[in-house]
Amino acid sequence: MSGFIPPLLGGFLGTIALAFLIGLELHAYRRRGEGLAAPVALGFGTTRTITLLAAFGYVLWVVAPVVPFCAGLVVAGGLLMLEYWKRVQAGDPALLPTVIALLAYALGPFVLVAPLAVAAVLVIVMLLALGEQTEIRKLSDAFPAEEGVTLAKFFILAGLILPLLPQAVIPGLPGITYTKVWTAVLVISGISYLGYLAHRYMFPRAGTLLTGLLGGMYSSTAATVVLARAAQAEPAQAALAPAAVLIATAMMYVRLMVIILLLGHADAARALAPPFAALFVLSLAIAGLLARSAKNTPAPEHTVMSANPLDLPVAFLFALLFVVFAAVTDFVTRNFGVNGLHVLSFAVGFSDIDPFIFSLLDGKFQVSRAAIVSAVLIASGSNNLLKAGYAIGFSRSRKMLPAAAWLAGSMVLSLAYTVFL
């Protein structure tokens, strides 16, 4: 179809169609009031005006993309500001219609010059800004000030620090570059932050089982500690806490697999998929049995993982641990080979396994790929043993024994699977 339409005509028709949709939504936006006394006070904002404004900008851009277009932008902007001043005098301070009109004027150049996806996103944002103003206002009113600081921290991590880091390999750490370290920081922080947002804003008073699910996205170890403490402090939590602990552990396998794929280690993901899938399914199955046995227990509300995971000191600590574990792994593999790596993996499981696992996958150590995959399984297995101790120690409840027994058993299964690699 596009072969029968000249490019300029196709661009013009596309601009007109998109502008018409924007005009319809803008007119509906003005009809909804925004503080105006009556429909007769609508003033600027009709569908025809937006459509003609977009056509005007398109034609001027085609004639000459600099002087005529910019002159038209100055004239249109002056008239729109005059109209805005009159609306302010009438008690309508909404600036959005004026901004939408200026964007509509520039829509034609976007259609001609920018990728289609950029123009589509621009129009979608404009339509959402007009059509969802009530929900956006509710979100703005409910948005805590500290979350703005959190987003600024993420922009610092992703937009400021990452571009400044060199692609060079870190001295003494084969295969590990500065950008690889910080990319791992961003991926893990981002996934943890999504879990935090889901828990705080979508499910602020999540039940015990849902707490295990969301907590596992952030940190299964931390979720186990919080759930075990809650089971000890609040007897109503004790019945469902064991199942929630196993759900958090099941989510650990999903989280690790997603992060491994996002960091580009598809071969490691394929090797880990069978054992991780089996442990995930078995953990959920046993959690289901434990939850079924407690089905007559009221489901209490419980809040967990309220701490924000995007603190800059935490990110820097992760990066430091990444480098330290990479250096230690390189030393161990050079001097003690595969057996030394397996012992190190088991020991690391009693700490934060994320930086160790990703330094292990990113580095070029003197061991086989199968040995590295085995080390990942061993580290995740010994981490489950740590969680079993936390579950019993912090809950001080016999009801936690089945969950702890499975966590210890999953470590045994992980070790057994490494024999076949």
Protein backbone atom coordinates (compact mmCIF):
# COMPACT_ATOMS: atom_id res chain seq x y z
CA MET A 1 0.00 0.00 0.00
CA SER A 2 2.81 2.39 0.92
CA GLY A 3 4.39 1.87 -2.52
CA PHE A 4 1.40 3.65 -4.19
CA ILE A 5 1.55 6.70 -1.88
CA PRO A 6 4.35 9.27 -2.27
CA PRO A 7 6.39 9.63 0.94
CA LEU A 8 5.45 13.28 1.47
CA LEU A 9 1.76 12.55 0.98
CA GLY A 10 1.98 9.54 3.31
CA GLY A 11 3.68 11.67 5.96
CA PHE A 12 1.04 14.37 5.58
CA LEU A 13 -1.84 11.92 5.91
CA GLY A 14 -0.20 10.30 8.94
CA THR A 15 0.32 13.70 10.57
CA ILE A 16 -3.30 14.71 9.95
CA ALA A 17 -4.62 11.42 11.35
CA LEU A 18 -2.52 11.62 14.51
CA ALA A 19 -3.34 15.31 15.01
CA PHE A 20 -7.04 14.57 14.62
CA LEU A 21 -6.84 11.96 17.41
CA ILE A 22 -4.96 14.39 19.62
CA GLY A 23 -7.55 17.07 18.89
CA LEU A 24 -10.39 14.77 19.86
CA GLU A 25 -8.74 13.96 23.17
CA LEU A 26 -7.87 17.60 23.84
CA HIS A 27 -11.45 18.67 23.19
CA ALA A 28 -12.70 15.97 25.57
CA TYR A 29 -10.16 17.16 28.13
CA ARG A 30 -11.47 20.73 27.90
CA ARG A 31 -15.08 19.53 28.05
CA ARG A 32 -14.36 17.82 31.34
CA GLY A 33 -13.99 21.27 32.84
CA GLU A 34 -10.61 21.75 34.46
CA GLY A 35 -12.22 24.55 36.49
CA LEU A 36 -14.15 26.22 33.67
CA ALA A 37 -17.63 27.49 34.41
CA ALA A 38 -19.40 26.28 31.25
CA PRO A 39 -18.78 24.64 27.88
CA VAL A 40 -19.03 28.05 26.14
CA ALA A 41 -15.80 29.02 27.93
CA LEU A 42 -13.85 26.27 26.30
CA GLY A 43 -11.86 28.66 24.10
CA PHE A 44 -8.87 27.17 22.30
CA GLY A 45 -8.68 23.42 21.90
CA THR A 46 -10.98 22.23 19.14
CA THR A 47 -10.12 19.23 16.99
CA ARG A 48 -10.02 21.38 13.83
CA THR A 49 -7.56 23.81 15.38
CA ILE A 50 -5.10 21.08 16.38
CA THR A 51 -5.40 19.38 12.99
CA LEU A 52 -4.81 22.60 11.05
CA LEU A 53 -1.93 23.55 13.34
CA ALA A 54 -0.22 20.20 12.64
CA ALA A 55 -0.84 20.60 8.89
CA PHE A 56 0.62 24.12 9.05
CA GLY A 57 3.79 22.86 10.76
CA TYR A 58 4.14 19.99 8.30
CA VAL A 59 3.86 22.23 5.24
CA LEU A 60 6.36 24.76 6.57
CA TRP A 61 8.83 21.97 7.39
CA VAL A 62 8.51 20.56 3.86
CA VAL A 63 8.99 24.01 2.31
CA ALA A 64 12.16 24.68 4.33
CA PRO A 65 12.95 22.90 7.59
CA VAL A 66 14.62 25.87 9.31
CA VAL A 67 13.53 29.46 8.72
CA PRO A 68 9.84 29.13 7.73
CA PHE A 69 9.18 26.39 10.28
CA CYS A 70 10.88 28.30 13.12
CA ALA A 71 9.11 31.52 12.13
CA GLY A 72 5.80 29.68 12.21
CA LEU A 73 6.70 28.24 15.61
CA VAL A 74 7.37 31.75 16.97
CA VAL A 75 4.06 33.07 15.61
CA ALA A 76 2.07 30.06 16.85
CA GLY A 77 3.80 30.21 20.23
CA GLY A 78 3.04 33.91 20.61
CA LEU A 79 -0.64 33.43 19.78
CA LEU A 80 -0.88 30.45 22.12
CA MET A 81 0.70 32.39 24.99
CA LEU A 82 -1.72 35.25 24.41
CA GLU A 83 -4.61 32.77 24.51
CA TYR A 84 -3.15 31.23 27.67
CA TRP A 85 -2.95 34.64 29.35
CA LYS A 86 -6.64 35.21 28.56
CA ARG A 87 -7.54 31.81 30.03
CA VAL A 88 -5.61 32.58 33.20
CA GLN A 89 -7.57 35.79 33.55
CA ALA A 90 -10.76 33.74 33.18
CA GLY A 91 -9.69 31.37 35.97
CA ASP A 92 -8.29 28.52 33.84
CA PRO A 93 -4.54 28.16 34.57
CA ALA A 94 -4.13 24.79 32.77
CA LEU A 95 -0.97 24.96 30.64
CA LEU A 96 -1.39 21.50 29.13
CA PRO A 97 -3.55 22.57 26.12
CA THR A 98 -0.89 25.10 25.11
CA VAL A 99 1.90 22.53 25.36
CA ILE A 100 -0.15 19.99 23.38
CA ALA A 101 -0.74 22.57 20.65
CA LEU A 102 2.98 23.30 20.31
CA LEU A 103 3.74 19.58 20.15
CA ALA A 104 1.03 19.16 17.50
CA TYR A 105 2.70 21.88 15.44
CA ALA A 106 5.97 19.92 15.59
CA LEU A 107 4.29 16.59 14.90
CA GLY A 108 4.96 16.69 11.15
CA PRO A 109 8.77 16.86 11.49
CA PHE A 110 8.63 13.99 13.97
CA VAL A 111 6.72 11.88 11.46
CA LEU A 112 9.17 12.70 8.66
CA VAL A 113 12.49 12.65 10.48
CA ALA A 114 12.24 10.61 13.67
CA PRO A 115 11.79 6.82 13.75
CA LEU A 116 8.18 5.71 13.69
CA ALA A 117 8.47 4.42 17.27
CA VAL A 118 9.44 7.89 18.53
CA ALA A 119 6.44 9.54 16.87
CA ALA A 120 4.14 6.82 18.20
CA VAL A 121 5.46 7.22 21.74
CA LEU A 122 5.06 10.99 21.53
CA VAL A 123 1.41 10.68 20.49
CA ILE A 124 0.72 8.03 23.15
CA VAL A 125 2.20 10.25 25.86
CA MET A 126 0.07 13.19 24.69
CA LEU A 127 -3.11 11.08 24.66
CA LEU A 128 -2.39 9.66 28.11
CA ALA A 129 -1.63 13.11 29.51
CA LEU A 130 -5.00 14.33 28.25
CA GLY A 131 -7.14 11.27 28.91
CA GLU A 132 -5.80 10.14 32.27
CA GLN A 133 -5.37 13.46 34.06
CA THR A 134 -7.46 12.32 37.02
CA GLU A 135 -5.40 9.20 37.64
CA ILE A 136 -2.15 11.08 37.03
CA ARG A 137 -3.20 13.69 39.57
CA LYS A 138 -4.02 10.99 42.12
CA LEU A 139 -0.61 9.44 41.54
CA SER A 140 1.09 12.82 41.90
CA ASP A 141 -0.75 13.49 45.17
CA ALA A 142 0.18 10.06 46.52
CA PHE A 143 3.79 10.10 45.27
CA PRO A 144 6.07 10.52 48.29
CA ALA A 145 8.89 13.02 48.04
CA GLU A 146 11.47 10.37 48.93
CA GLU A 147 10.56 8.35 45.82
CA GLY A 148 11.67 11.25 43.66
CA VAL A 149 15.04 11.08 45.40
CA THR A 150 15.09 7.33 44.72
CA LEU A 151 14.54 7.86 41.00
CA ALA A 152 17.30 10.46 41.01
CA LYS A 153 19.60 7.84 42.54
CA PHE A 154 18.76 5.39 39.77
CA PHE A 155 19.49 8.05 37.14
CA ILE A 156 22.83 8.62 38.83
CA LEU A 157 23.56 4.89 38.72
CA ALA A 158 22.44 4.40 35.12
CA GLY A 159 22.78 7.73 33.36
CA LEU A 160 25.78 9.28 35.07
CA ILE A 161 28.12 6.59 36.39
CA LEU A 162 27.72 3.92 33.68
CA PRO A 163 28.62 6.15 30.67
CA LEU A 164 31.74 7.38 32.50
CA LEU A 165 33.14 3.91 33.09
CA PRO A 166 35.70 2.59 30.59
CA GLN A 167 35.27 -0.65 28.66
CA ALA A 168 38.74 -1.73 29.77
CA VAL A 169 39.35 -4.89 31.76
CA ILE A 170 39.99 -4.35 35.47
CA PRO A 171 43.69 -5.06 36.15
CA GLY A 172 44.23 -8.54 37.55
CA LEU A 173 40.65 -9.66 36.82
CA PRO A 174 40.55 -11.47 33.44
CA GLY A 175 37.41 -10.85 31.43
CA ILE A 176 35.80 -8.46 33.92
CA THR A 177 35.41 -4.86 32.77
CA TYR A 178 34.30 -1.83 34.70
CA THR A 179 31.09 -1.64 32.68
CA LYS A 180 30.27 -5.31 33.37
CA VAL A 181 30.49 -4.69 37.10
CA TRP A 182 28.22 -1.68 36.97
CA THR A 183 25.77 -3.30 34.55
CA ALA A 184 25.31 -6.10 37.08
CA VAL A 185 24.69 -3.47 39.76
CA LEU A 186 22.01 -1.82 37.61
CA VAL A 187 20.22 -5.06 36.67
CA ILE A 188 20.09 -6.38 40.24
CA SER A 189 19.12 -2.99 41.69
CA GLY A 190 16.42 -2.57 39.05
CA ILE A 191 14.80 -5.95 39.69
CA SER A 192 14.98 -5.42 43.45
CA TYR A 193 13.44 -1.98 43.02
CA LEU A 194 10.53 -3.41 41.04
CA GLY A 195 9.85 -5.84 43.86
CA TYR A 196 10.00 -2.99 46.36
CA LEU A 197 7.56 -0.87 44.34
CA ALA A 198 5.14 -3.77 43.92
CA HIS A 199 5.16 -4.43 47.63
CA ARG A 200 4.88 -0.82 48.76
CA TYR A 201 2.35 0.56 46.28
CA MET A 202 0.49 -2.34 44.69
CA PHE A 203 0.27 -4.60 47.76
CA PRO A 204 1.09 -2.36 50.76
CA ARG A 205 -0.56 -4.78 53.20
CA ALA A 206 0.29 -8.03 51.51
CA GLY A 207 -0.69 -11.30 53.12
CA THR A 208 2.00 -13.65 54.35
CA LEU A 209 2.19 -15.77 51.18
CA LEU A 210 2.29 -12.75 48.91
CA THR A 211 4.99 -11.29 51.13
CA GLY A 212 7.11 -14.35 50.42
CA LEU A 213 6.56 -13.92 46.68
CA LEU A 214 7.43 -10.22 46.61
CA GLY A 215 10.22 -10.56 49.15
CA GLY A 216 11.85 -13.26 47.04
CA MET A 217 12.11 -10.78 44.17
CA TYR A 218 14.14 -8.51 46.42
CA SER A 219 16.11 -10.90 48.64
CA SER A 220 14.98 -14.36 49.67
CA THR A 221 17.40 -14.30 52.62
CA ALA A 222 16.05 -11.00 53.94
CA ALA A 223 12.46 -12.18 53.38
CA THR A 224 13.18 -15.38 55.34
CA VAL A 225 14.54 -13.39 58.27
CA VAL A 226 11.55 -11.03 58.35
CA LEU A 227 8.99 -13.83 57.99
CA ALA A 228 10.68 -15.91 60.70
CA ARG A 229 10.77 -12.97 63.09
CA ALA A 230 7.11 -12.25 62.39
CA ALA A 231 6.23 -15.89 63.09
CA GLN A 232 7.98 -15.62 66.47
CA ALA A 233 6.46 -12.23 67.39
CA GLU A 234 2.94 -12.84 66.05
CA PRO A 235 1.53 -16.34 66.49
CA ALA A 236 -1.00 -15.68 63.72
CA GLN A 237 1.91 -15.54 61.27
CA ALA A 238 3.41 -18.89 62.31
CA ALA A 239 1.02 -21.10 60.31
CA LEU A 240 1.67 -19.59 56.87
CA ALA A 241 5.23 -18.37 57.42
CA PRO A 242 6.88 -21.72 56.47
CA ALA A 243 5.08 -21.76 53.12
CA ALA A 244 5.97 -18.11 52.53
CA VAL A 245 9.66 -18.84 53.23
CA LEU A 246 9.66 -21.56 50.56
CA ILE A 247 7.89 -19.29 48.09
CA ALA A 248 10.61 -16.68 48.66
CA THR A 249 13.25 -19.33 47.96
CA ALA A 250 11.43 -20.44 44.80
CA MET A 251 11.48 -16.82 43.63
CA MET A 252 15.23 -16.74 44.22
CA TYR A 253 15.69 -19.22 41.36
CA VAL A 254 13.48 -17.15 39.06
CA ARG A 255 15.30 -13.97 40.01
CA LEU A 256 18.73 -15.50 39.41
CA MET A 257 17.66 -16.92 36.05
CA VAL A 258 16.23 -13.57 34.89
CA ILE A 259 19.35 -11.69 35.95
CA ILE A 260 21.65 -14.23 34.29
CA LEU A 261 19.73 -13.85 31.02
CA LEU A 262 19.65 -10.05 31.23
CA LEU A 263 23.41 -10.01 31.69
CA GLY A 264 23.84 -12.05 28.51
CA HIS A 265 24.88 -15.46 29.89
CA ALA A 266 22.50 -17.58 27.82
CA ASP A 267 24.74 -20.65 27.92
CA ALA A 268 24.87 -20.58 31.73
CA ALA A 269 21.10 -20.07 31.85
CA ARG A 270 20.55 -23.14 29.67
CA ALA A 271 22.80 -25.24 31.90
CA LEU A 272 21.09 -24.02 35.08
CA ALA A 273 17.54 -24.25 33.73
CA PRO A 274 16.89 -27.96 34.57
CA PRO A 275 18.06 -27.88 38.23
CA PHE A 276 16.60 -24.43 38.88
CA ALA A 277 13.27 -25.43 37.34
CA ALA A 278 13.13 -28.62 39.40
CA LEU A 279 13.98 -26.82 42.64
CA PHE A 280 11.49 -24.07 41.81
CA VAL A 281 8.65 -26.53 41.20
CA LEU A 282 9.45 -28.66 44.25
CA SER A 283 9.71 -25.58 46.48
CA LEU A 284 6.31 -24.36 45.31
CA ALA A 285 4.78 -27.82 45.67
CA ILE A 286 5.96 -28.19 49.26
CA ALA A 287 4.88 -24.62 49.99
CA GLY A 288 1.44 -25.51 48.64
CA LEU A 289 1.24 -28.52 50.93
CA LEU A 290 2.25 -26.42 53.94
CA ALA A 291 -0.25 -23.72 53.04
CA ARG A 292 -2.97 -26.35 52.55
CA SER A 293 -2.33 -27.73 56.02
CA ALA A 294 -2.85 -24.21 57.39
CA LYS A 295 -5.90 -23.40 55.26
CA ASN A 296 -8.17 -22.89 58.28
CA THR A 297 -5.83 -20.29 59.73
CA PRO A 298 -6.84 -16.66 59.15
CA ALA A 299 -4.57 -14.94 56.65
CA PRO A 300 -3.02 -12.01 58.52
CA GLU A 301 -1.71 -8.91 56.88
CA HIS A 302 2.00 -8.40 56.98
CA THR A 303 4.42 -5.82 55.69
CA VAL A 304 7.97 -6.69 54.73
CA MET A 305 10.91 -5.31 52.78
CA SER A 306 10.02 -1.67 53.33
CA ALA A 307 13.63 -0.53 52.95
CA ASN A 308 14.39 1.04 49.61
CA PRO A 309 16.95 -1.05 47.67
CA LEU A 310 18.39 1.83 45.63
CA ASP A 311 20.61 3.38 48.29
CA LEU A 312 23.87 4.48 46.68
CA PRO A 313 26.05 2.96 49.46
CA VAL A 314 24.41 -0.42 48.79
CA ALA A 315 25.18 -0.14 45.07
CA PHE A 316 28.81 0.77 45.75
CA LEU A 317 29.08 -2.08 48.26
CA PHE A 318 27.76 -4.54 45.65
CA ALA A 319 30.30 -3.28 43.11
CA LEU A 320 33.08 -3.65 45.68
CA LEU A 321 31.98 -7.18 46.56
CA PHE A 322 31.80 -8.04 42.87
CA VAL A 323 35.45 -7.06 42.41
CA VAL A 324 36.58 -8.69 45.66
CA PHE A 325 34.87 -11.98 44.86
CA ALA A 326 36.30 -11.90 41.34
CA ALA A 327 39.82 -11.44 42.75
CA VAL A 328 39.34 -14.19 45.33
CA THR A 329 37.87 -16.55 42.71
CA ASP A 330 40.77 -15.89 40.36
CA PHE A 331 43.27 -16.64 43.15
CA VAL A 332 41.47 -19.82 44.22
CA THR A 333 41.05 -21.22 40.71
CA ARG A 334 44.70 -20.54 39.85
CA ASN A 335 46.04 -22.21 42.98
CA PHE A 336 43.45 -24.82 43.94
CA GLY A 337 41.47 -25.54 40.78
CA VAL A 338 37.93 -26.87 40.70
CA ASN A 339 37.95 -28.29 44.22
CA GLY A 340 39.00 -24.95 45.65
CA LEU A 341 36.27 -23.20 43.66
CA HIS A 342 33.62 -25.55 45.04
CA VAL A 343 34.78 -24.98 48.62
CA LEU A 344 34.74 -21.23 48.04
CA SER A 345 31.24 -21.44 46.54
CA PHE A 346 29.94 -23.28 49.58
CA ALA A 347 31.46 -20.69 51.92
CA VAL A 348 30.13 -17.75 49.91
CA GLY A 349 26.61 -19.14 50.21
CA PHE A 350 26.62 -17.91 53.80
CA SER A 351 26.90 -14.32 52.59
CA ASP A 352 25.49 -12.36 49.63
CA ILE A 353 25.69 -14.73 46.67
CA ASP A 354 24.70 -12.27 43.92
CA PRO A 355 28.06 -10.49 43.48
CA PHE A 356 29.92 -13.80 43.67
CA ILE A 357 27.72 -15.51 41.07
CA PHE A 358 27.99 -12.69 38.55
CA SER A 359 31.69 -12.15 39.02
CA LEU A 360 32.02 -15.91 38.47
CA LEU A 361 30.02 -15.79 35.22
CA ASP A 362 31.68 -12.65 33.86
CA GLY A 363 35.27 -13.65 34.58
CA LYS A 364 37.63 -15.82 32.54
CA PHE A 365 38.94 -18.21 35.15
CA GLN A 366 41.09 -21.30 34.68
CA VAL A 367 38.23 -23.76 35.14
CA SER A 368 35.64 -25.21 32.79
CA ARG A 369 32.18 -23.77 32.19
CA ALA A 370 30.67 -26.84 33.86
CA ALA A 371 32.72 -26.15 37.00
CA ILE A 372 31.43 -22.57 37.09
CA VAL A 373 27.80 -23.72 36.73
CA SER A 374 28.40 -26.24 39.52
CA ALA A 375 29.76 -23.43 41.70
CA VAL A 376 26.56 -21.42 41.12
CA LEU A 377 24.47 -24.41 42.23
CA ILE A 378 26.64 -24.97 45.30
CA ALA A 379 26.46 -21.30 46.31
CA SER A 380 22.67 -21.19 45.95
CA GLY A 381 22.39 -24.48 47.84
CA SER A 382 24.52 -23.36 50.79
CA ASN A 383 22.55 -20.12 50.85
CA ASN A 384 19.42 -22.23 51.34
CA LEU A 385 21.15 -23.91 54.29
CA LEU A 386 21.77 -20.46 55.75
CA LYS A 387 18.07 -19.64 55.31
CA ALA A 388 17.12 -22.88 57.05
CA GLY A 389 19.15 -21.76 60.06
CA TYR A 390 17.58 -18.32 59.97
CA ALA A 391 14.07 -19.79 59.70
CA ILE A 392 14.53 -21.96 62.81
CA GLY A 393 16.63 -19.51 64.79
CA PHE A 394 14.48 -16.42 64.33
CA SER A 395 11.06 -18.11 64.48
CA ARG A 396 11.79 -20.49 67.39
CA SER A 397 8.80 -22.46 66.16
CA ARG A 398 8.43 -26.14 65.38
CA LYS A 399 6.08 -25.21 62.57
CA MET A 400 9.10 -23.92 60.67
CA LEU A 401 10.81 -27.34 60.75
CA PRO A 402 9.29 -28.66 57.46
CA ALA A 403 10.40 -25.55 55.59
CA ALA A 404 13.89 -25.72 57.11
CA ALA A 405 14.12 -29.42 56.29
CA TRP A 406 13.31 -28.75 52.63
CA LEU A 407 15.80 -25.88 52.46
CA ALA A 408 18.50 -28.21 53.78
CA GLY A 409 17.31 -30.92 51.40
CA SER A 410 17.49 -28.54 48.44
CA MET A 411 21.13 -27.96 49.28
CA VAL A 412 21.73 -31.72 49.16
CA LEU A 413 19.95 -31.95 45.80
CA SER A 414 22.01 -29.05 44.45
CA LEU A 415 25.23 -30.76 45.50
CA ALA A 416 24.07 -34.06 44.05
CA TYR A 417 23.26 -32.46 40.69
CA THR A 418 26.78 -31.09 40.38
CA VAL A 419 28.03 -34.67 40.14
CA PHE A 420 26.35 -34.99 36.73
CA LEU A 421 27.85 -31.81 35.30
